[in-house]
Amino acid sequence: MSPGTVRVGIVTAPGYTKRIGEGLYYSLPELLKTYVDDTKEWVVESLESPLTGYTEEPDEVLGALLEKKKANEWDIAICLTDLPLFRDKKLIVAEANSSENVALLSLPGLGATPLIKRIRESIMQLLSEMYQGISYEARDEVQRTIGQIDKRRRKKYNSRELVRKRGFDRFSPITRETPDADKMSEVRYTVDSRTRGAMRLITGMVRANRPWMLFAPFIKVLVIAFTTGTFAVVFPTLWKLSNHYNLWRMFMINVVAVSLLVFWIMAAHKMWERKNDHSSNYIRRLYNSTTLMTLMTMVSFYYTLLFICFQLIVFVLLPIDFIAEELNEDMETRSYFFIAWTATSISTIIGALGSTIEDEEVVLSGTYGNRQRQRYELMYEAEQEKKEAAEEKEEAARKKKEAIKEKMGER
């Protein structure tokens, strides 16, 4: 370590993780000074690199991170990746190598619970593992030290836990391991159960896709659907249908409308991940499941907002006595609710299907497959630039050599 100063590098993949890394730049130094070593000055630097976001192999990520650490002369380096990582079909949440002072954190492995706080806790734990030691004795000493520094944290803090347990962590716990035979990893945090690990992973990947960010491009689709539905609301045919539908049929129409819109978006914008040489079939299925869940989340929010709008329109425009008089049928109070519900489903099917989203780049940025393709392109461009630079260097050396020979010949 540098005398008096510890330089910590946080390497992130392009996109969402970059913004998280930049945010940690401000909060981490003071926390590290308080809870890890108050005799050192902690300097946190953030760097974006596609090298740490293009592979699902932990060893490759740690190897690339080690090169970045040496190149930037950091004391400790941590990689934040939004990719799922596995070893022997086990979900890897985090790994650290205390001899090389490099560690990685897979954000999807943290699940969908409050992310920034969990990332901060995870980085603090990984830094503690590398700086203060991974042995049982070292962890016990850290436990005692934290208890003395902050009595409020004494009962909550566990020096062998990546994050404090909250809600879903009790159902899908993160386990600490210290493998003996692994060269790149000395301490590892995993999820043992494949089923519970998959649930944690998919919810984390959906959160990493940020479905709420995809809603803005849907405003045009929402307007088209609302216009179509508002026109239909004033016609008796919709009233009759709503008055005769029962609850199970309403649910069925709802599910059909949402599913059709989701599959239309995926088809129109080619979001379905196909077989390729870069990822395994399991990863491809995982990406597609995540895309499906992301769109389901976003479209469900869209559907709910549309329903609220139609409910207001029905209350304002359609007196229930007038509807009963027009239909010569008894109208129940639930009919108001069902009219808005039917209008929402029908307008989603008729008005939204066939529409395309203008800002396709924003939509595609919410899928893992597209982000990976962008990273592969960045990697390819970087390799090409490196190759061209090497060729130019060789050409310059050759010309210099020829010039020297010509001068020698003239003499």
Protein backbone atom coordinates (compact mmCIF):
# COMPACT_ATOMS: atom_id res chain seq x y z
CA MET A 1 0.00 0.00 0.00
CA SER A 2 1.10 3.59 -0.59
CA PRO A 3 2.29 5.26 2.65
CA GLY A 4 -0.56 7.26 4.15
CA THR A 5 -2.86 6.83 1.14
CA VAL A 6 -4.87 3.93 -0.25
CA ARG A 7 -6.03 4.33 -3.85
CA VAL A 8 -9.18 2.34 -4.63
CA GLY A 9 -10.25 1.91 -8.25
CA ILE A 10 -13.86 1.07 -9.12
CA VAL A 11 -14.12 -0.27 -12.66
CA THR A 12 -17.59 -0.37 -14.19
CA ALA A 13 -19.09 -1.60 -17.42
CA PRO A 14 -20.58 1.08 -19.73
CA GLY A 15 -24.09 2.25 -18.87
CA TYR A 16 -25.97 1.95 -15.60
CA THR A 17 -23.05 0.63 -13.54
CA LYS A 18 -20.96 3.63 -14.59
CA ARG A 19 -23.40 6.03 -12.90
CA ILE A 20 -23.38 3.87 -9.76
CA GLY A 21 -19.57 3.90 -9.68
CA GLU A 22 -19.48 7.67 -10.01
CA GLY A 23 -21.96 7.98 -7.12
CA LEU A 24 -19.77 5.86 -4.83
CA TYR A 25 -16.87 8.24 -5.48
CA TYR A 26 -18.33 10.69 -2.94
CA SER A 27 -19.67 8.40 -0.20
CA LEU A 28 -17.01 5.69 0.14
CA PRO A 29 -13.87 7.56 1.35
CA GLU A 30 -15.42 8.72 4.64
CA LEU A 31 -16.99 5.31 5.33
CA LEU A 32 -13.68 3.54 4.65
CA LYS A 33 -11.87 5.92 6.97
CA THR A 34 -14.41 5.24 9.72
CA TYR A 35 -14.90 1.49 9.43
CA VAL A 36 -11.72 0.11 7.81
CA ASP A 37 -8.66 2.23 8.68
CA ASP A 38 -8.74 5.77 10.05
CA THR A 39 -4.96 6.13 9.78
CA LYS A 40 -5.10 6.15 5.97
CA GLU A 41 -6.38 8.64 3.45
CA TRP A 42 -8.75 6.81 1.11
CA VAL A 43 -8.90 7.96 -2.50
CA VAL A 44 -11.64 6.44 -4.68
CA GLU A 45 -11.41 6.61 -8.48
CA SER A 46 -13.97 5.44 -11.04
CA LEU A 47 -13.19 4.06 -14.50
CA GLU A 48 -15.42 2.75 -17.29
CA SER A 49 -14.23 -0.27 -19.26
CA PRO A 50 -16.06 -2.77 -21.50
CA LEU A 51 -13.41 -5.34 -20.53
CA THR A 52 -15.26 -6.09 -17.28
CA GLY A 53 -18.71 -6.32 -18.86
CA TYR A 54 -18.27 -8.62 -21.83
CA THR A 55 -17.82 -12.04 -20.20
CA GLU A 56 -19.75 -14.21 -17.75
CA GLU A 57 -16.52 -15.91 -16.54
CA PRO A 58 -15.34 -14.60 -13.12
CA ASP A 59 -11.67 -15.48 -13.75
CA GLU A 60 -11.63 -13.49 -17.00
CA VAL A 61 -13.21 -10.50 -15.23
CA LEU A 62 -10.66 -10.64 -12.40
CA GLY A 63 -7.80 -11.07 -14.88
CA ALA A 64 -8.90 -7.99 -16.87
CA LEU A 65 -9.36 -6.07 -13.61
CA LEU A 66 -5.84 -6.94 -12.45
CA GLU A 67 -4.42 -5.44 -15.65
CA LYS A 68 -6.42 -2.25 -15.08
CA LYS A 69 -5.21 -2.10 -11.46
CA LYS A 70 -1.56 -2.30 -12.52
CA ALA A 71 -2.00 0.16 -15.39
CA ASN A 72 -3.61 2.78 -13.10
CA GLU A 73 -1.32 2.07 -10.13
CA TRP A 74 -4.18 1.43 -7.73
CA ASP A 75 -3.72 -0.31 -4.38
CA ILE A 76 -7.11 -2.05 -4.57
CA ALA A 77 -9.51 -2.53 -7.49
CA ILE A 78 -13.16 -3.58 -7.52
CA CYS A 79 -15.23 -4.33 -10.60
CA LEU A 80 -18.98 -3.68 -10.76
CA THR A 81 -20.64 -5.69 -13.52
CA ASP A 82 -24.30 -6.00 -14.48
CA LEU A 83 -23.69 -9.49 -15.90
CA PRO A 84 -24.66 -12.73 -14.14
CA LEU A 85 -21.61 -14.76 -13.10
CA PHE A 86 -21.44 -18.51 -12.43
CA ARG A 87 -19.04 -21.18 -11.16
CA ASP A 88 -20.06 -24.82 -11.43
CA LYS A 89 -23.65 -23.69 -12.13
CA LYS A 90 -23.65 -21.70 -8.85
CA LEU A 91 -24.62 -18.04 -8.88
CA ILE A 92 -21.65 -15.85 -7.94
CA VAL A 93 -22.53 -12.61 -6.17
CA ALA A 94 -18.99 -11.46 -5.32
CA GLU A 95 -15.38 -12.67 -5.27
CA ALA A 96 -12.15 -11.27 -3.87
CA ASN A 97 -8.43 -12.04 -4.11
CA SER A 98 -6.57 -10.53 -1.15
CA SER A 99 -3.10 -11.34 -2.51
CA GLU A 100 -3.73 -9.36 -5.71
CA ASN A 101 -6.22 -6.93 -4.07
CA VAL A 102 -8.85 -7.33 -6.79
CA ALA A 103 -12.55 -8.12 -6.35
CA LEU A 104 -15.73 -8.24 -8.40
CA LEU A 105 -19.38 -7.63 -7.58
CA SER A 106 -22.22 -8.87 -9.79
CA LEU A 107 -25.10 -6.42 -9.30
CA PRO A 108 -27.89 -8.80 -10.44
CA GLY A 109 -26.80 -11.23 -7.72
CA LEU A 110 -27.90 -8.68 -5.11
CA GLY A 111 -31.52 -9.04 -6.23
CA ALA A 112 -34.13 -6.31 -6.60
CA THR A 113 -34.03 -4.93 -3.06
CA PRO A 114 -32.62 -1.38 -2.38
CA LEU A 115 -29.59 -1.45 -4.61
CA ILE A 116 -27.33 1.51 -3.79
CA LYS A 117 -27.22 0.69 -0.07
CA ARG A 118 -26.46 -2.97 -0.79
CA ILE A 119 -23.72 -2.07 -3.28
CA ARG A 120 -22.12 0.22 -0.72
CA GLU A 121 -22.28 -2.51 1.96
CA SER A 122 -20.87 -5.09 -0.47
CA ILE A 123 -17.93 -2.91 -1.51
CA MET A 124 -17.16 -2.12 2.14
CA GLN A 125 -17.15 -5.85 2.93
CA LEU A 126 -14.94 -6.76 -0.06
CA LEU A 127 -12.49 -3.97 0.80
CA SER A 128 -12.43 -5.17 4.40
CA GLU A 129 -11.75 -8.75 3.25
CA MET A 130 -8.79 -7.65 1.12
CA TYR A 131 -7.37 -4.99 3.45
CA GLN A 132 -7.96 -6.57 6.87
CA GLY A 133 -7.74 -10.27 5.95
CA ILE A 134 -10.03 -13.16 5.04
CA SER A 135 -9.04 -15.60 7.81
CA TYR A 136 -11.45 -16.44 10.64
CA GLU A 137 -9.18 -14.67 13.13
CA ALA A 138 -9.09 -11.52 10.97
CA ARG A 139 -12.88 -11.56 10.58
CA ASP A 140 -13.37 -11.94 14.35
CA GLU A 141 -11.06 -8.98 14.96
CA VAL A 142 -13.03 -6.89 12.44
CA GLN A 143 -16.25 -7.86 14.24
CA ARG A 144 -14.87 -6.61 17.57
CA THR A 145 -13.47 -3.42 16.05
CA ILE A 146 -16.75 -2.45 14.35
CA GLY A 147 -18.61 -3.06 17.62
CA GLN A 148 -16.30 -0.64 19.41
CA ILE A 149 -16.54 2.03 16.69
CA ASP A 150 -20.31 1.98 16.36
CA LYS A 151 -22.33 0.29 19.10
CA ARG A 152 -25.51 0.70 17.05
CA ARG A 153 -24.05 -1.60 14.36
CA ARG A 154 -22.75 -4.24 16.80
CA LYS A 155 -25.84 -6.46 16.59
CA LYS A 156 -26.55 -5.77 12.93
CA TYR A 157 -23.05 -6.14 11.49
CA ASN A 158 -21.57 -9.53 10.64
CA SER A 159 -17.97 -9.54 9.40
CA ARG A 160 -18.68 -12.68 7.35
CA GLU A 161 -21.74 -11.34 5.50
CA LEU A 162 -21.62 -9.50 2.18
CA VAL A 163 -24.76 -7.49 3.00
CA ARG A 164 -27.15 -7.25 5.92
CA LYS A 165 -30.08 -9.63 5.57
CA ARG A 166 -33.28 -8.00 4.37
CA GLY A 167 -36.54 -9.69 3.37
CA PHE A 168 -35.68 -11.85 0.37
CA ASP A 169 -32.19 -12.62 1.75
CA ARG A 170 -33.77 -14.89 4.35
CA PHE A 171 -35.39 -16.92 1.58
CA SER A 172 -32.33 -16.84 -0.70
CA PRO A 173 -29.27 -16.42 1.57
CA ILE A 174 -25.82 -15.46 0.30
CA THR A 175 -23.14 -17.88 1.52
CA ARG A 176 -19.48 -17.03 2.19
CA GLU A 177 -16.90 -19.54 0.91
CA THR A 178 -13.10 -19.67 1.08
CA PRO A 179 -12.04 -22.10 -1.68
CA ASP A 180 -8.54 -23.57 -1.34
CA ALA A 181 -7.90 -24.72 -4.91
CA ASP A 182 -8.85 -21.52 -6.73
CA LYS A 183 -6.00 -19.29 -7.88
CA MET A 184 -8.00 -16.16 -8.71
CA SER A 185 -10.52 -16.23 -5.85
CA GLU A 186 -9.72 -16.51 -2.12
CA VAL A 187 -13.14 -15.58 -0.79
CA ARG A 188 -16.42 -16.00 -2.61
CA TYR A 189 -20.08 -15.16 -1.98
CA THR A 190 -22.56 -17.49 -3.68
CA VAL A 191 -26.19 -18.64 -3.65
CA ASP A 192 -26.36 -22.42 -3.19
CA SER A 193 -29.89 -23.14 -4.41
CA ARG A 194 -30.29 -22.96 -8.20
CA THR A 195 -34.03 -22.24 -7.93
CA ARG A 196 -33.72 -19.48 -5.36
CA GLY A 197 -30.58 -18.22 -7.07
CA ALA A 198 -32.49 -17.96 -10.37
CA MET A 199 -35.28 -15.98 -8.68
CA ARG A 200 -32.77 -13.62 -7.09
CA LEU A 201 -30.87 -13.27 -10.36
CA ILE A 202 -33.85 -12.58 -12.63
CA THR A 203 -35.31 -9.96 -10.27
CA GLY A 204 -31.87 -8.34 -10.05
CA MET A 205 -31.45 -8.37 -13.83
CA VAL A 206 -34.92 -6.86 -14.31
CA ARG A 207 -33.97 -4.07 -11.94
CA ALA A 208 -30.67 -3.58 -13.80
CA ASN A 209 -32.74 -3.17 -16.99
CA ARG A 210 -34.59 -0.29 -15.28
CA PRO A 211 -38.10 -0.87 -16.72
CA TRP A 212 -39.21 2.55 -15.45
CA MET A 213 -36.76 4.17 -17.87
CA LEU A 214 -38.53 2.48 -20.78
CA PHE A 215 -41.84 4.18 -20.04
CA ALA A 216 -40.97 7.59 -21.55
CA PRO A 217 -40.79 6.25 -25.15
CA PHE A 218 -44.24 4.71 -24.59
CA ILE A 219 -46.02 8.05 -24.20
CA LYS A 220 -46.98 8.06 -27.89
CA VAL A 221 -48.36 4.51 -27.63
CA LEU A 222 -50.26 5.53 -24.49
CA VAL A 223 -51.82 8.52 -26.28
CA ILE A 224 -52.89 6.36 -29.25
CA ALA A 225 -54.44 3.75 -26.96
CA PHE A 226 -56.20 6.38 -24.83
CA THR A 227 -57.63 8.14 -27.89
CA THR A 228 -58.93 4.86 -29.30
CA GLY A 229 -60.46 3.81 -25.99
CA THR A 230 -62.09 7.18 -25.27
CA PHE A 231 -63.86 7.01 -28.63
CA ALA A 232 -65.12 3.49 -27.81
CA VAL A 233 -66.30 4.38 -24.28
CA VAL A 234 -69.25 6.47 -25.55
CA PHE A 235 -70.75 3.60 -27.60
CA PRO A 236 -73.38 1.24 -26.09
CA THR A 237 -71.63 -1.89 -27.43
CA LEU A 238 -68.85 -1.47 -24.87
CA TRP A 239 -71.40 -0.92 -22.12
CA LYS A 240 -73.23 -4.14 -23.03
CA LEU A 241 -70.04 -6.17 -23.12
CA SER A 242 -68.89 -4.82 -19.76
CA ASN A 243 -72.27 -5.50 -18.17
CA HIS A 244 -72.24 -9.15 -19.28
CA TYR A 245 -68.57 -9.96 -18.58
CA ASN A 246 -67.76 -11.74 -15.34
CA LEU A 247 -64.57 -11.38 -13.35
CA TRP A 248 -62.65 -14.36 -14.78
CA ARG A 249 -63.32 -13.17 -18.35
CA MET A 250 -62.10 -9.68 -17.48
CA PHE A 251 -58.87 -11.14 -16.09
CA MET A 252 -58.43 -13.30 -19.18
CA ILE A 253 -58.86 -10.30 -21.53
CA ASN A 254 -56.44 -8.31 -19.37
CA VAL A 255 -53.75 -11.01 -19.56
CA VAL A 256 -54.25 -11.41 -23.33
CA ALA A 257 -53.95 -7.65 -23.93
CA VAL A 258 -50.76 -7.28 -21.86
CA SER A 259 -49.18 -10.41 -23.36
CA LEU A 260 -49.95 -9.34 -26.94
CA LEU A 261 -48.39 -5.92 -26.40
CA VAL A 262 -45.27 -7.44 -24.80
CA PHE A 263 -44.75 -9.90 -27.64
CA TRP A 264 -45.47 -7.22 -30.24
CA ILE A 265 -42.77 -4.95 -28.77
CA MET A 266 -40.28 -7.83 -28.71
CA ALA A 267 -41.07 -8.76 -32.33
CA ALA A 268 -41.19 -5.19 -33.70
CA HIS A 269 -37.85 -4.22 -32.16
CA LYS A 270 -36.15 -7.63 -32.53
CA MET A 271 -35.45 -7.94 -28.82
CA TRP A 272 -35.44 -11.75 -28.72
CA GLU A 273 -31.91 -13.06 -28.23
CA ARG A 274 -30.92 -15.68 -30.82
CA LYS A 275 -28.16 -18.27 -30.73
CA ASN A 276 -24.68 -16.81 -31.03
CA ASP A 277 -21.04 -17.70 -30.40
CA HIS A 278 -20.60 -15.35 -27.46
CA SER A 279 -22.98 -16.88 -24.88
CA SER A 280 -24.29 -20.29 -23.85
CA ASN A 281 -27.86 -21.46 -24.29
CA TYR A 282 -28.49 -20.99 -20.56
CA ILE A 283 -27.32 -17.37 -20.65
CA ARG A 284 -29.40 -16.75 -23.78
CA ARG A 285 -32.53 -18.16 -22.08
CA LEU A 286 -31.74 -16.06 -19.02
CA TYR A 287 -31.46 -12.90 -21.13
CA ASN A 288 -34.75 -13.63 -22.90
CA SER A 289 -36.55 -14.35 -19.61
CA THR A 290 -35.23 -11.08 -18.20
CA THR A 291 -36.34 -9.12 -21.28
CA LEU A 292 -39.79 -10.70 -21.02
CA MET A 293 -40.09 -9.85 -17.31
CA THR A 294 -38.80 -6.31 -17.90
CA LEU A 295 -41.39 -5.65 -20.59
CA MET A 296 -44.13 -7.28 -18.49
CA THR A 297 -43.28 -4.92 -15.64
CA MET A 298 -43.25 -1.86 -17.88
CA VAL A 299 -46.44 -2.79 -19.78
CA SER A 300 -48.25 -3.57 -16.51
CA PHE A 301 -47.42 -0.06 -15.31
CA TYR A 302 -48.60 1.32 -18.67
CA TYR A 303 -51.84 -0.71 -18.41
CA THR A 304 -52.51 0.50 -14.85
CA LEU A 305 -52.01 4.15 -15.82
CA LEU A 306 -54.30 3.71 -18.83
CA PHE A 307 -56.96 2.10 -16.63
CA ILE A 308 -56.86 5.03 -14.18
CA CYS A 309 -57.34 7.47 -17.07
CA PHE A 310 -60.32 5.52 -18.42
CA GLN A 311 -61.87 5.23 -14.96
CA LEU A 312 -61.84 9.02 -14.67
CA ILE A 313 -63.35 9.39 -18.15
CA VAL A 314 -66.15 6.93 -17.33
CA PHE A 315 -67.01 8.73 -14.07
CA VAL A 316 -67.09 12.11 -15.82
CA LEU A 317 -68.88 11.21 -19.08
CA LEU A 318 -71.22 8.32 -18.27
CA PRO A 319 -73.96 8.63 -15.62
CA ILE A 320 -74.90 5.11 -14.57
CA ASP A 321 -78.65 5.86 -14.75
CA PHE A 322 -78.28 6.94 -18.37
CA ILE A 323 -76.44 3.72 -19.28
CA ALA A 324 -79.15 1.60 -17.57
CA GLU A 325 -81.88 3.48 -19.44
CA GLU A 326 -80.13 3.05 -22.80
CA LEU A 327 -79.55 -0.68 -22.32
CA ASN A 328 -82.83 -1.45 -20.55
CA GLU A 329 -80.77 -3.50 -18.11
CA ASP A 330 -79.97 -3.23 -14.43
CA MET A 331 -76.54 -1.70 -13.95
CA GLU A 332 -74.46 -2.57 -10.92
CA THR A 333 -71.86 -0.31 -9.36
CA ARG A 334 -69.12 -2.62 -10.59
CA SER A 335 -70.20 -1.83 -14.17
CA TYR A 336 -68.33 1.50 -13.94
CA PHE A 337 -65.23 -0.41 -13.00
CA PHE A 338 -65.76 -3.02 -15.75
CA ILE A 339 -66.40 -0.42 -18.48
CA ALA A 340 -63.02 1.22 -17.75
CA TRP A 341 -61.35 -2.19 -17.52
CA THR A 342 -62.80 -3.36 -20.85
CA ALA A 343 -61.84 -0.08 -22.54
CA THR A 344 -58.27 -0.45 -21.26
CA SER A 345 -57.90 -3.98 -22.63
CA ILE A 346 -59.51 -3.25 -25.99
CA SER A 347 -57.56 -0.01 -26.52
CA THR A 348 -54.34 -1.85 -25.68
CA ILE A 349 -55.09 -4.51 -28.27
CA ILE A 350 -56.42 -2.21 -31.02
CA GLY A 351 -54.59 1.07 -30.42
CA ALA A 352 -51.17 -0.07 -29.25
CA LEU A 353 -50.58 -3.13 -31.42
CA GLY A 354 -49.02 -2.05 -34.67
CA SER A 355 -47.48 1.04 -33.11
CA THR A 356 -43.72 1.27 -32.88
CA ILE A 357 -41.58 3.21 -30.44
CA GLU A 358 -39.65 6.06 -32.04
CA ASP A 359 -36.71 6.05 -29.62
CA GLU A 360 -35.70 2.46 -30.31
CA GLU A 361 -32.27 2.94 -28.77
CA VAL A 362 -33.79 3.58 -25.32
CA VAL A 363 -35.92 0.43 -25.57
CA LEU A 364 -33.02 -1.73 -26.71
CA SER A 365 -30.81 -0.36 -23.93
CA GLY A 366 -33.15 -2.13 -21.53
CA THR A 367 -32.06 -5.57 -22.77
CA TYR A 368 -28.96 -7.49 -21.81
CA GLY A 369 -28.40 -8.89 -25.30
CA ASN A 370 -28.23 -5.45 -26.90
CA ARG A 371 -25.90 -4.09 -24.22
CA GLN A 372 -23.63 -7.08 -24.74
CA ARG A 373 -23.56 -6.52 -28.51
CA GLN A 374 -22.57 -2.90 -27.93
CA ARG A 375 -19.74 -4.03 -25.65
CA TYR A 376 -18.51 -6.59 -28.17
CA GLU A 377 -18.47 -3.82 -30.78
CA LEU A 378 -16.48 -1.57 -28.44
CA MET A 379 -14.05 -4.42 -27.77
CA TYR A 380 -13.71 -5.12 -31.49
CA GLU A 381 -13.08 -1.43 -32.26
CA ALA A 382 -10.49 -1.24 -29.47
CA GLU A 383 -8.73 -4.35 -30.78
CA GLN A 384 -8.76 -2.97 -34.33
CA GLU A 385 -7.31 0.35 -33.16
CA LYS A 386 -4.64 -1.51 -31.21
CA LYS A 387 -3.83 -3.64 -34.25
CA GLU A 388 -3.66 -0.60 -36.54
CA ALA A 389 -1.39 1.21 -34.06
CA ALA A 390 0.93 -1.82 -33.93
CA GLU A 391 1.02 -2.00 -37.74
CA GLU A 392 1.79 1.72 -38.00
CA LYS A 393 4.57 1.28 -35.46
CA GLU A 394 6.03 -1.62 -37.42
CA GLU A 395 5.78 0.36 -40.66
CA ALA A 396 7.53 3.35 -39.08
CA ALA A 397 10.30 1.09 -37.74
CA ARG A 398 10.71 -0.53 -41.18
CA LYS A 399 10.96 2.85 -42.92
CA LYS A 400 13.46 4.04 -40.34
CA LYS A 401 15.55 0.92 -40.87
CA GLU A 402 15.47 1.40 -44.66
CA ALA A 403 16.47 5.05 -44.28
CA ILE A 404 19.46 4.05 -42.15
CA LYS A 405 20.51 1.48 -44.77
CA GLU A 406 20.28 4.10 -47.54
CA LYS A 407 22.48 6.49 -45.57
CA MET A 408 25.01 3.74 -44.93
CA GLY A 409 25.02 2.92 -48.67
CA GLU A 410 25.67 6.55 -49.62
CA ARG A 411 28.74 6.55 -47.43
